[in-house]
Amino acid sequence: MAPSFDELITNAQAAPIEGWDFSWLAGRATEEQPSWRYSEIVAERAKSASMMLDLQTGGGEMLARLPHLPSLLVATEGYAPNVVLASRRLSTRGAYVVATQDDRLPFPNDAFDLVTSRHPVATWWEEVARVLRPGGTYLSQQVGPNSVRELSEYMLGPLPPTSTRDPRIARVAARTAGLIVRDLREERLRTVFNDVGAVVYFLRLVIWIVPGFTVEGYYDKLLALHEQIQRSGPFVAYASRFLMEAQKPD
């Protein structure tokens, strides 16, 4: 017998959301991956980097999988539970985790030849440019405009068509900070939620999709979504991602 609405909700609320780990959604939700394979690009760049900084590292999941680490690897994270998790993962590999908000990085000018960031909440371009060495590279995969908008509008109603998470805005900001944009690519990726529990877990973890989300506040919407999935099949939305590579001039 399929789980009831209440069972799906209860299980999703009890699931841990430390780190940036979506493994709980295995079999319950799927998302296409960008064709450029960001983790593989980072792994390749890390081979030739000597001083690397990863911003907003989450639980350090991506860095922990790197086959080769630079001589110095530093990660920053602002969410206290993730700082503990990332430190536990990365300390055995000789990497350092610094608890900080990325608008003020506690590092000297021209410190790193590679700065990376996967799905940052915000990019503080002036700070990125400041800590990069001349000739150094900023490489980031970011959430693009109107990502999973179908789910946001289901829960919140119609939204304005504009978005601050726009690769064109990022290009201008990078150039304003003095960086040269070497690569900029964007893709939309099919995202499928097989049950309402997957939706609840996703909204707990990715907090900007429905700001201030709680089960209690959206109970009626969640129940209607559960009934829709039971009647018509999985809920489909489209995630947006863009790849940005920018270089500090020599």
C-alpha atoms as a PDB file:
ATOM      1  CA  MET A   1       0.000   0.000   0.000  1.00  0.00           C
ATOM      2  CA  ALA A   2       1.318   3.449  -0.922  1.00  0.00           C
ATOM      3  CA  PRO A   3       2.172   5.749   2.002  1.00  0.00           C
ATOM      4  CA  SER A   4      -0.573   8.118   3.078  1.00  0.00           C
ATOM      5  CA  PHE A   5      -0.306  11.902   2.845  1.00  0.00           C
ATOM      6  CA  ASP A   6       0.382  12.162   6.582  1.00  0.00           C
ATOM      7  CA  GLU A   7       3.094   9.486   6.412  1.00  0.00           C
ATOM      8  CA  LEU A   8       4.840  11.187   3.503  1.00  0.00           C
ATOM      9  CA  ILE A   9       4.777  14.550   5.271  1.00  0.00           C
ATOM     10  CA  THR A  10       5.976  13.145   8.602  1.00  0.00           C
ATOM     11  CA  ASN A  11       8.896  11.283   7.023  1.00  0.00           C
ATOM     12  CA  ALA A  12       9.957  14.332   5.003  1.00  0.00           C
ATOM     13  CA  GLN A  13       9.872  16.583   8.053  1.00  0.00           C
ATOM     14  CA  ALA A  14      11.984  14.137  10.066  1.00  0.00           C
ATOM     15  CA  ALA A  15      14.654  13.656   7.372  1.00  0.00           C
ATOM     16  CA  PRO A  16      17.991  15.386   8.129  1.00  0.00           C
ATOM     17  CA  ILE A  17      18.963  18.348   5.946  1.00  0.00           C
ATOM     18  CA  GLU A  18      22.561  18.951   7.017  1.00  0.00           C
ATOM     19  CA  GLY A  19      25.002  19.596   4.216  1.00  0.00           C
ATOM     20  CA  TRP A  20      24.074  19.819   0.551  1.00  0.00           C
ATOM     21  CA  ASP A  21      23.114  16.176   0.174  1.00  0.00           C
ATOM     22  CA  PHE A  22      20.046  15.136  -1.803  1.00  0.00           C
ATOM     23  CA  SER A  23      20.502  11.380  -1.332  1.00  0.00           C
ATOM     24  CA  TRP A  24      17.258  11.145   0.694  1.00  0.00           C
ATOM     25  CA  LEU A  25      15.415  11.930  -2.554  1.00  0.00           C
ATOM     26  CA  ALA A  26      16.772   8.860  -4.379  1.00  0.00           C
ATOM     27  CA  GLY A  27      13.832   7.153  -6.062  1.00  0.00           C
ATOM     28  CA  ARG A  28      11.510   9.979  -5.031  1.00  0.00           C
ATOM     29  CA  ALA A  29      12.731  12.842  -7.218  1.00  0.00           C
ATOM     30  CA  THR A  30      15.100  13.254 -10.150  1.00  0.00           C
ATOM     31  CA  GLU A  31      16.851  16.201 -11.767  1.00  0.00           C
ATOM     32  CA  GLU A  32      18.736  16.229 -15.032  1.00  0.00           C
ATOM     33  CA  GLN A  33      22.387  17.239 -14.650  1.00  0.00           C
ATOM     34  CA  PRO A  34      24.059  19.984 -16.695  1.00  0.00           C
ATOM     35  CA  SER A  35      26.003  18.755 -19.703  1.00  0.00           C
ATOM     36  CA  TRP A  36      29.216  20.483 -18.609  1.00  0.00           C
ATOM     37  CA  ARG A  37      29.722  18.252 -15.490  1.00  0.00           C
ATOM     38  CA  TYR A  38      30.850  20.884 -13.009  1.00  0.00           C
ATOM     39  CA  SER A  39      32.436  18.515 -10.476  1.00  0.00           C
ATOM     40  CA  GLU A  40      34.639  17.025 -13.185  1.00  0.00           C
ATOM     41  CA  ILE A  41      35.773  20.480 -14.313  1.00  0.00           C
ATOM     42  CA  VAL A  42      36.660  21.412 -10.736  1.00  0.00           C
ATOM     43  CA  ALA A  43      38.550  18.137 -10.259  1.00  0.00           C
ATOM     44  CA  GLU A  44      40.587  18.843 -13.386  1.00  0.00           C
ATOM     45  CA  ARG A  45      41.368  22.436 -12.371  1.00  0.00           C
ATOM     46  CA  ALA A  46      42.307  21.386  -8.838  1.00  0.00           C
ATOM     47  CA  LYS A  47      45.137  19.260 -10.262  1.00  0.00           C
ATOM     48  CA  SER A  48      47.016  22.347 -11.463  1.00  0.00           C
ATOM     49  CA  ALA A  49      46.025  24.739  -8.643  1.00  0.00           C
ATOM     50  CA  SER A  50      48.342  25.413  -5.726  1.00  0.00           C
ATOM     51  CA  MET A  51      46.014  27.543  -3.548  1.00  0.00           C
ATOM     52  CA  MET A  52      42.273  26.866  -3.844  1.00  0.00           C
ATOM     53  CA  LEU A  53      39.267  28.383  -2.091  1.00  0.00           C
ATOM     54  CA  ASP A  54      35.731  26.938  -2.197  1.00  0.00           C
ATOM     55  CA  LEU A  55      32.968  29.339  -1.132  1.00  0.00           C
ATOM     56  CA  GLN A  56      29.728  28.241   0.555  1.00  0.00           C
ATOM     57  CA  THR A  57      30.900  24.637   0.565  1.00  0.00           C
ATOM     58  CA  GLY A  58      27.852  23.214   2.351  1.00  0.00           C
ATOM     59  CA  GLY A  59      28.896  19.969   3.984  1.00  0.00           C
ATOM     60  CA  GLY A  60      32.035  19.731   1.841  1.00  0.00           C
ATOM     61  CA  GLU A  61      30.495  17.010  -0.322  1.00  0.00           C
ATOM     62  CA  MET A  62      32.034  18.080  -3.626  1.00  0.00           C
ATOM     63  CA  LEU A  63      35.510  18.711  -2.203  1.00  0.00           C
ATOM     64  CA  ALA A  64      35.548  15.388  -0.379  1.00  0.00           C
ATOM     65  CA  ARG A  65      35.203  13.613  -3.741  1.00  0.00           C
ATOM     66  CA  LEU A  66      38.105  15.400  -5.435  1.00  0.00           C
ATOM     67  CA  PRO A  67      40.753  12.833  -6.437  1.00  0.00           C
ATOM     68  CA  HIS A  68      43.578  15.378  -6.076  1.00  0.00           C
ATOM     69  CA  LEU A  69      43.811  18.360  -3.722  1.00  0.00           C
ATOM     70  CA  PRO A  70      45.978  21.452  -4.172  1.00  0.00           C
ATOM     71  CA  SER A  71      48.779  22.173  -1.714  1.00  0.00           C
ATOM     72  CA  LEU A  72      46.371  24.413   0.194  1.00  0.00           C
ATOM     73  CA  LEU A  73      42.591  23.962   0.119  1.00  0.00           C
ATOM     74  CA  VAL A  74      40.337  26.240   2.152  1.00  0.00           C
ATOM     75  CA  ALA A  75      36.531  26.154   2.246  1.00  0.00           C
ATOM     76  CA  THR A  76      34.110  28.670   3.729  1.00  0.00           C
ATOM     77  CA  GLU A  77      30.628  28.027   5.076  1.00  0.00           C
ATOM     78  CA  GLY A  78      28.175  30.237   6.958  1.00  0.00           C
ATOM     79  CA  TYR A  79      25.690  27.677   8.337  1.00  0.00           C
ATOM     80  CA  ALA A  80      27.016  26.345  11.648  1.00  0.00           C
ATOM     81  CA  PRO A  81      25.841  22.695  11.340  1.00  0.00           C
ATOM     82  CA  ASN A  82      27.450  22.513   7.895  1.00  0.00           C
ATOM     83  CA  VAL A  83      30.724  23.928   9.240  1.00  0.00           C
ATOM     84  CA  VAL A  84      30.937  20.967  11.617  1.00  0.00           C
ATOM     85  CA  LEU A  85      30.015  18.491   8.888  1.00  0.00           C
ATOM     86  CA  ALA A  86      32.468  19.926   6.342  1.00  0.00           C
ATOM     87  CA  SER A  87      35.280  20.074   8.903  1.00  0.00           C
ATOM     88  CA  ARG A  88      34.749  16.421   9.739  1.00  0.00           C
ATOM     89  CA  ARG A  89      34.816  15.435   6.066  1.00  0.00           C
ATOM     90  CA  LEU A  90      37.759  17.545   4.954  1.00  0.00           C
ATOM     91  CA  SER A  91      40.146  17.622   7.912  1.00  0.00           C
ATOM     92  CA  THR A  92      41.359  14.079   7.197  1.00  0.00           C
ATOM     93  CA  ARG A  93      42.523  15.318   3.779  1.00  0.00           C
ATOM     94  CA  GLY A  94      44.419  18.282   5.180  1.00  0.00           C
ATOM     95  CA  ALA A  95      41.884  20.911   4.079  1.00  0.00           C
ATOM     96  CA  TYR A  96      40.664  23.805   6.221  1.00  0.00           C
ATOM     97  CA  VAL A  97      37.084  24.982   6.810  1.00  0.00           C
ATOM     98  CA  VAL A  98      36.453  28.577   7.885  1.00  0.00           C
ATOM     99  CA  ALA A  99      33.147  29.730   9.336  1.00  0.00           C
ATOM    100  CA  THR A 100      32.394  33.032   7.642  1.00  0.00           C
ATOM    101  CA  GLN A 101      29.923  35.024   5.641  1.00  0.00           C
ATOM    102  CA  ASP A 102      31.329  35.469   2.159  1.00  0.00           C
ATOM    103  CA  ASP A 103      30.725  39.221   1.882  1.00  0.00           C
ATOM    104  CA  ARG A 104      33.877  39.694   3.993  1.00  0.00           C
ATOM    105  CA  LEU A 105      36.458  36.992   3.345  1.00  0.00           C
ATOM    106  CA  PRO A 106      39.186  36.723   6.026  1.00  0.00           C
ATOM    107  CA  PHE A 107      41.963  36.199   3.489  1.00  0.00           C
ATOM    108  CA  PRO A 108      44.646  38.516   2.093  1.00  0.00           C
ATOM    109  CA  ASN A 109      44.635  40.031  -1.365  1.00  0.00           C
ATOM    110  CA  ASP A 110      45.867  37.852  -4.249  1.00  0.00           C
ATOM    111  CA  ALA A 111      45.810  34.679  -2.120  1.00  0.00           C
ATOM    112  CA  PHE A 112      44.266  32.007  -4.379  1.00  0.00           C
ATOM    113  CA  ASP A 113      44.783  30.925  -7.956  1.00  0.00           C
ATOM    114  CA  LEU A 114      41.435  29.059  -8.038  1.00  0.00           C
ATOM    115  CA  VAL A 115      38.166  30.048  -6.364  1.00  0.00           C
ATOM    116  CA  THR A 116      35.126  27.787  -6.792  1.00  0.00           C
ATOM    117  CA  SER A 117      31.523  27.842  -5.639  1.00  0.00           C
ATOM    118  CA  ARG A 118      28.657  25.474  -6.373  1.00  0.00           C
ATOM    119  CA  HIS A 119      25.181  26.960  -6.043  1.00  0.00           C
ATOM    120  CA  PRO A 120      26.124  30.014  -3.943  1.00  0.00           C
ATOM    121  CA  VAL A 121      23.277  31.914  -2.321  1.00  0.00           C
ATOM    122  CA  ALA A 122      24.993  35.111  -3.505  1.00  0.00           C
ATOM    123  CA  THR A 123      28.312  35.958  -5.152  1.00  0.00           C
ATOM    124  CA  TRP A 124      30.321  38.776  -3.603  1.00  0.00           C
ATOM    125  CA  TRP A 125      32.212  39.698  -6.740  1.00  0.00           C
ATOM    126  CA  GLU A 126      34.470  42.336  -5.207  1.00  0.00           C
ATOM    127  CA  GLU A 127      35.702  39.868  -2.593  1.00  0.00           C
ATOM    128  CA  VAL A 128      36.207  37.124  -5.177  1.00  0.00           C
ATOM    129  CA  ALA A 129      38.267  39.488  -7.301  1.00  0.00           C
ATOM    130  CA  ARG A 130      40.263  40.695  -4.298  1.00  0.00           C
ATOM    131  CA  VAL A 131      41.385  37.252  -3.099  1.00  0.00           C
ATOM    132  CA  LEU A 132      42.192  35.930  -6.589  1.00  0.00           C
ATOM    133  CA  ARG A 133      45.791  36.097  -7.731  1.00  0.00           C
ATOM    134  CA  PRO A 134      46.441  37.865 -11.039  1.00  0.00           C
ATOM    135  CA  GLY A 135      45.698  35.259 -13.696  1.00  0.00           C
ATOM    136  CA  GLY A 136      43.584  33.291 -11.222  1.00  0.00           C
ATOM    137  CA  THR A 137      40.166  31.844 -12.055  1.00  0.00           C
ATOM    138  CA  TYR A 138      36.724  31.923 -10.479  1.00  0.00           C
ATOM    139  CA  LEU A 139      34.696  28.860 -11.523  1.00  0.00           C
ATOM    140  CA  SER A 140      31.103  28.531 -10.370  1.00  0.00           C
ATOM    141  CA  GLN A 141      27.912  26.641 -11.121  1.00  0.00           C
ATOM    142  CA  GLN A 142      24.961  28.734 -10.064  1.00  0.00           C
ATOM    143  CA  VAL A 143      21.198  28.533  -9.870  1.00  0.00           C
ATOM    144  CA  GLY A 144      19.806  30.374 -12.869  1.00  0.00           C
ATOM    145  CA  PRO A 145      16.675  32.450 -13.419  1.00  0.00           C
ATOM    146  CA  ASN A 146      13.252  31.133 -12.445  1.00  0.00           C
ATOM    147  CA  SER A 147      14.606  27.769 -11.309  1.00  0.00           C
ATOM    148  CA  VAL A 148      11.817  25.302 -10.441  1.00  0.00           C
ATOM    149  CA  ARG A 149       9.424  28.182 -11.026  1.00  0.00           C
ATOM    150  CA  GLU A 150       6.559  25.767 -11.631  1.00  0.00           C
ATOM    151  CA  LEU A 151       6.784  24.622  -8.003  1.00  0.00           C
ATOM    152  CA  SER A 152       7.210  28.154  -6.657  1.00  0.00           C
ATOM    153  CA  GLU A 153       4.099  29.323  -8.493  1.00  0.00           C
ATOM    154  CA  TYR A 154       2.104  26.272  -7.458  1.00  0.00           C
ATOM    155  CA  MET A 155       2.751  27.178  -3.823  1.00  0.00           C
ATOM    156  CA  LEU A 156       2.825  30.987  -4.036  1.00  0.00           C
ATOM    157  CA  GLY A 157       0.753  31.918  -7.085  1.00  0.00           C
ATOM    158  CA  PRO A 158       1.960  33.967 -10.105  1.00  0.00           C
ATOM    159  CA  LEU A 159       5.403  35.550  -9.702  1.00  0.00           C
ATOM    160  CA  PRO A 160       7.099  38.459 -11.521  1.00  0.00           C
ATOM    161  CA  PRO A 161       8.914  37.293 -14.668  1.00  0.00           C
ATOM    162  CA  THR A 162      12.244  38.852 -13.652  1.00  0.00           C
ATOM    163  CA  SER A 163      14.920  37.152 -11.552  1.00  0.00           C
ATOM    164  CA  THR A 164      18.115  38.359  -9.875  1.00  0.00           C
ATOM    165  CA  ARG A 165      19.663  34.941 -10.558  1.00  0.00           C
ATOM    166  CA  ASP A 166      20.442  35.800 -14.147  1.00  0.00           C
ATOM    167  CA  PRO A 167      23.677  34.945 -15.988  1.00  0.00           C
ATOM    168  CA  ARG A 168      23.558  38.289 -17.783  1.00  0.00           C
ATOM    169  CA  ILE A 169      23.510  40.096 -14.428  1.00  0.00           C
ATOM    170  CA  ALA A 170      26.395  37.899 -13.263  1.00  0.00           C
ATOM    171  CA  ARG A 171      28.400  38.784 -16.373  1.00  0.00           C
ATOM    172  CA  VAL A 172      28.013  42.512 -15.705  1.00  0.00           C
ATOM    173  CA  ALA A 173      28.860  42.086 -12.002  1.00  0.00           C
ATOM    174  CA  ALA A 174      31.993  40.084 -12.789  1.00  0.00           C
ATOM    175  CA  ARG A 175      33.190  42.683 -15.286  1.00  0.00           C
ATOM    176  CA  THR A 176      32.441  45.515 -12.849  1.00  0.00           C
ATOM    177  CA  ALA A 177      34.652  43.764 -10.271  1.00  0.00           C
ATOM    178  CA  GLY A 178      37.471  43.720 -12.834  1.00  0.00           C
ATOM    179  CA  LEU A 179      37.213  40.092 -13.963  1.00  0.00           C
ATOM    180  CA  ILE A 180      37.252  38.814 -17.543  1.00  0.00           C
ATOM    181  CA  VAL A 181      34.391  36.412 -18.312  1.00  0.00           C
ATOM    182  CA  ARG A 182      35.865  33.421 -20.158  1.00  0.00           C
ATOM    183  CA  ASP A 183      32.828  31.130 -20.256  1.00  0.00           C
ATOM    184  CA  LEU A 184      29.114  31.484 -19.568  1.00  0.00           C
ATOM    185  CA  ARG A 185      26.611  28.714 -20.292  1.00  0.00           C
ATOM    186  CA  GLU A 186      23.011  28.128 -19.228  1.00  0.00           C
ATOM    187  CA  GLU A 187      20.701  25.104 -19.285  1.00  0.00           C
ATOM    188  CA  ARG A 188      17.211  24.205 -18.074  1.00  0.00           C
ATOM    189  CA  LEU A 189      16.894  20.758 -16.561  1.00  0.00           C
ATOM    190  CA  ARG A 190      13.808  18.587 -16.135  1.00  0.00           C
ATOM    191  CA  THR A 191      13.030  17.981 -12.455  1.00  0.00           C
ATOM    192  CA  VAL A 192      10.478  15.370 -11.376  1.00  0.00           C
ATOM    193  CA  PHE A 193       8.860  14.943  -7.935  1.00  0.00           C
ATOM    194  CA  ASN A 194       7.229  11.530  -7.470  1.00  0.00           C
ATOM    195  CA  ASP A 195       5.500  12.258  -4.167  1.00  0.00           C
ATOM    196  CA  VAL A 196       4.628  15.177  -1.910  1.00  0.00           C
ATOM    197  CA  GLY A 197       7.215  14.093   0.660  1.00  0.00           C
ATOM    198  CA  ALA A 198       9.941  14.759  -1.910  1.00  0.00           C
ATOM    199  CA  VAL A 199       8.517  18.249  -2.396  1.00  0.00           C
ATOM    200  CA  VAL A 200       8.532  18.951   1.342  1.00  0.00           C
ATOM    201  CA  TYR A 201      12.114  17.766   1.752  1.00  0.00           C
ATOM    202  CA  PHE A 202      13.256  19.798  -1.269  1.00  0.00           C
ATOM    203  CA  LEU A 203      11.595  22.970   0.027  1.00  0.00           C
ATOM    204  CA  ARG A 204      13.152  22.482   3.474  1.00  0.00           C
ATOM    205  CA  LEU A 205      16.602  22.184   1.923  1.00  0.00           C
ATOM    206  CA  VAL A 206      16.384  24.717  -0.926  1.00  0.00           C
ATOM    207  CA  ILE A 207      14.901  27.543   1.084  1.00  0.00           C
ATOM    208  CA  TRP A 208      14.693  30.197  -1.659  1.00  0.00           C
ATOM    209  CA  ILE A 209      12.181  28.262  -3.793  1.00  0.00           C
ATOM    210  CA  VAL A 210       9.358  29.085  -1.332  1.00  0.00           C
ATOM    211  CA  PRO A 211      10.755  31.561   1.219  1.00  0.00           C
ATOM    212  CA  GLY A 212       9.523  30.921   4.741  1.00  0.00           C
ATOM    213  CA  PHE A 213       8.130  27.504   3.815  1.00  0.00           C
ATOM    214  CA  THR A 214       6.505  25.429   6.558  1.00  0.00           C
ATOM    215  CA  VAL A 215       4.197  22.459   6.245  1.00  0.00           C
ATOM    216  CA  GLU A 216       1.649  24.184   8.469  1.00  0.00           C
ATOM    217  CA  GLY A 217       1.651  27.338   6.361  1.00  0.00           C
ATOM    218  CA  TYR A 218       1.170  25.419   3.094  1.00  0.00           C
ATOM    219  CA  TYR A 219      -0.831  22.439   4.318  1.00  0.00           C
ATOM    220  CA  ASP A 220      -3.767  22.909   1.940  1.00  0.00           C
ATOM    221  CA  LYS A 221      -1.467  23.380  -1.066  1.00  0.00           C
ATOM    222  CA  LEU A 222       0.508  20.264  -0.145  1.00  0.00           C
ATOM    223  CA  LEU A 223      -2.636  18.182   0.259  1.00  0.00           C
ATOM    224  CA  ALA A 224      -3.908  19.372  -3.143  1.00  0.00           C
ATOM    225  CA  LEU A 225      -0.518  18.552  -4.683  1.00  0.00           C
ATOM    226  CA  HIS A 226      -0.580  15.082  -3.137  1.00  0.00           C
ATOM    227  CA  GLU A 227      -4.001  14.446  -4.628  1.00  0.00           C
ATOM    228  CA  GLN A 228      -2.845  15.750  -8.020  1.00  0.00           C
ATOM    229  CA  ILE A 229       0.184  13.424  -8.036  1.00  0.00           C
ATOM    230  CA  GLN A 230      -2.006  10.488  -7.012  1.00  0.00           C
ATOM    231  CA  ARG A 231      -4.433  11.293  -9.811  1.00  0.00           C
ATOM    232  CA  SER A 232      -2.167  12.469 -12.666  1.00  0.00           C
ATOM    233  CA  GLY A 233       1.380  11.347 -11.919  1.00  0.00           C
ATOM    234  CA  PRO A 234       4.609  13.122 -10.883  1.00  0.00           C
ATOM    235  CA  PHE A 235       4.910  16.885 -10.623  1.00  0.00           C
ATOM    236  CA  VAL A 236       7.364  18.211 -13.252  1.00  0.00           C
ATOM    237  CA  ALA A 237       9.339  21.450 -13.025  1.00  0.00           C
ATOM    238  CA  TYR A 238      12.487  22.795 -14.674  1.00  0.00           C
ATOM    239  CA  ALA A 239      15.625  23.759 -12.795  1.00  0.00           C
ATOM    240  CA  SER A 240      17.938  26.435 -14.201  1.00  0.00           C
ATOM    241  CA  ARG A 241      21.734  26.332 -13.961  1.00  0.00           C
ATOM    242  CA  PHE A 242      24.541  28.405 -15.403  1.00  0.00           C
ATOM    243  CA  LEU A 243      28.292  27.898 -15.523  1.00  0.00           C
ATOM    244  CA  MET A 244      30.497  30.944 -15.014  1.00  0.00           C
ATOM    245  CA  GLU A 245      34.263  31.115 -15.507  1.00  0.00           C
ATOM    246  CA  ALA A 246      35.946  34.462 -14.923  1.00  0.00           C
ATOM    247  CA  GLN A 247      39.622  35.354 -14.711  1.00  0.00           C
ATOM    248  CA  LYS A 248      41.517  38.094 -12.908  1.00  0.00           C
ATOM    249  CA  PRO A 249      43.764  39.895 -15.403  1.00  0.00           C
ATOM    250  CA  ASP A 250      47.524  39.328 -15.108  1.00  0.00           C
END
